[in-house]
Amino acid sequence: MVPLKVAIVAAFLFYRYKFLSRVEDKNLYRLPKRTRTSSN
């Protein structure tokens, strides 16, 4: 069985990575729209 500390750290890192990837996705979606509107 996986020790409790290891499970907590793994879950924390996993959720943190998921959250960061979501934020990056939002920024990536926003940037092209801004560049398109400014270029047009």
N, C-alpha and C. Protein backbone atom coordinates (compact mmCIF):
# COMPACT_ATOMS: atom_id res chain seq x y z
N MET A 1 0.83 -1.21 0.00
CA MET A 1 0.00 0.00 0.00
C MET A 1 0.86 1.25 0.00
N VAL A 2 0.35 2.31 -0.58
CA VAL A 2 1.09 3.57 -0.65
C VAL A 2 0.96 4.30 0.68
N PRO A 3 2.07 4.78 1.22
CA PRO A 3 2.00 5.54 2.48
C PRO A 3 1.12 6.78 2.31
N LEU A 4 0.50 7.20 3.42
CA LEU A 4 -0.44 8.33 3.38
C LEU A 4 0.25 9.61 2.90
N LYS A 5 1.44 9.88 3.42
CA LYS A 5 2.16 11.10 3.03
C LYS A 5 2.39 11.13 1.52
N VAL A 6 2.83 10.00 0.98
CA VAL A 6 3.11 9.94 -0.46
C VAL A 6 1.83 10.18 -1.25
N ALA A 7 0.73 9.60 -0.80
CA ALA A 7 -0.55 9.77 -1.51
C ALA A 7 -0.99 11.23 -1.48
N ILE A 8 -0.83 11.88 -0.34
CA ILE A 8 -1.24 13.29 -0.21
C ILE A 8 -0.38 14.17 -1.12
N VAL A 9 0.92 13.95 -1.10
CA VAL A 9 1.82 14.76 -1.94
C VAL A 9 1.50 14.53 -3.41
N ALA A 10 1.28 13.28 -3.79
CA ALA A 10 0.97 12.97 -5.19
C ALA A 10 -0.33 13.63 -5.62
N ALA A 11 -1.35 13.56 -4.77
CA ALA A 11 -2.64 14.18 -5.09
C ALA A 11 -2.49 15.69 -5.19
N PHE A 12 -1.73 16.29 -4.27
CA PHE A 12 -1.53 17.74 -4.29
C PHE A 12 -0.85 18.18 -5.59
N LEU A 13 0.23 17.47 -5.95
CA LEU A 13 0.95 17.82 -7.18
C LEU A 13 0.06 17.61 -8.40
N PHE A 14 -0.74 16.54 -8.38
CA PHE A 14 -1.61 16.25 -9.53
C PHE A 14 -2.65 17.36 -9.71
N TYR A 15 -3.31 17.75 -8.62
CA TYR A 15 -4.33 18.80 -8.72
C TYR A 15 -3.69 20.14 -9.07
N ARG A 16 -2.50 20.38 -8.52
CA ARG A 16 -1.80 21.63 -8.84
C ARG A 16 -1.46 21.67 -10.33
N TYR A 17 -0.97 20.54 -10.86
CA TYR A 17 -0.63 20.47 -12.29
C TYR A 17 -1.88 20.67 -13.15
N LYS A 18 -2.98 20.04 -12.74
CA LYS A 18 -4.25 20.18 -13.47
C LYS A 18 -4.68 21.64 -13.47
N PHE A 19 -4.61 22.29 -12.30
CA PHE A 19 -5.04 23.68 -12.19
C PHE A 19 -4.16 24.59 -13.06
N LEU A 20 -2.83 24.37 -13.01
CA LEU A 20 -1.92 25.20 -13.80
C LEU A 20 -2.17 25.00 -15.28
N SER A 21 -2.42 23.76 -15.70
CA SER A 21 -2.66 23.49 -17.11
C SER A 21 -3.95 24.17 -17.56
N ARG A 22 -4.95 24.21 -16.68
CA ARG A 22 -6.21 24.90 -17.01
C ARG A 22 -5.95 26.38 -17.20
N VAL A 23 -5.17 26.98 -16.31
CA VAL A 23 -4.88 28.42 -16.40
C VAL A 23 -4.12 28.70 -17.69
N GLU A 24 -3.16 27.84 -18.03
CA GLU A 24 -2.38 28.02 -19.26
C GLU A 24 -3.29 27.93 -20.47
N ASP A 25 -4.23 26.98 -20.46
CA ASP A 25 -5.16 26.83 -21.57
C ASP A 25 -5.98 28.11 -21.75
N LYS A 26 -6.48 28.66 -20.65
CA LYS A 26 -7.28 29.89 -20.73
C LYS A 26 -6.44 31.02 -21.32
N ASN A 27 -5.19 31.14 -20.87
CA ASN A 27 -4.33 32.20 -21.39
C ASN A 27 -4.05 31.99 -22.87
N LEU A 28 -3.85 30.73 -23.28
CA LEU A 28 -3.57 30.45 -24.68
C LEU A 28 -4.79 30.77 -25.54
N TYR A 29 -5.98 30.51 -25.02
CA TYR A 29 -7.19 30.82 -25.79
C TYR A 29 -7.40 32.33 -25.87
N ARG A 30 -7.03 33.05 -24.83
CA ARG A 30 -7.24 34.50 -24.83
C ARG A 30 -6.25 35.20 -25.75
N LEU A 31 -4.99 34.75 -25.75
CA LEU A 31 -3.96 35.45 -26.51
C LEU A 31 -4.25 35.51 -28.01
N PRO A 32 -4.57 34.38 -28.67
CA PRO A 32 -4.82 34.46 -30.13
C PRO A 32 -5.97 35.41 -30.46
N LYS A 33 -7.01 35.44 -29.63
CA LYS A 33 -8.13 36.34 -29.89
C LYS A 33 -7.65 37.79 -29.84
N ARG A 34 -6.83 38.13 -28.85
CA ARG A 34 -6.33 39.50 -28.74
C ARG A 34 -5.46 39.84 -29.94
N THR A 35 -4.58 38.92 -30.34
CA THR A 35 -3.68 39.19 -31.46
C THR A 35 -4.48 39.32 -32.75
N ARG A 36 -5.52 38.49 -32.90
CA ARG A 36 -6.35 38.56 -34.11
C ARG A 36 -7.08 39.90 -34.18
N THR A 37 -7.67 40.32 -33.06
CA THR A 37 -8.43 41.57 -33.06
C THR A 37 -7.50 42.76 -33.28
N SER A 38 -6.31 42.73 -32.71
CA SER A 38 -5.38 43.85 -32.86
C SER A 38 -4.82 43.88 -34.29
N SER A 39 -4.59 42.71 -34.89
CA SER A 39 -4.05 42.65 -36.25
C SER A 39 -5.11 43.10 -37.25
N ASN A 40 -6.36 42.73 -37.01
CA ASN A 40 -7.43 43.13 -37.94
C ASN A 40 -7.76 44.61 -37.73
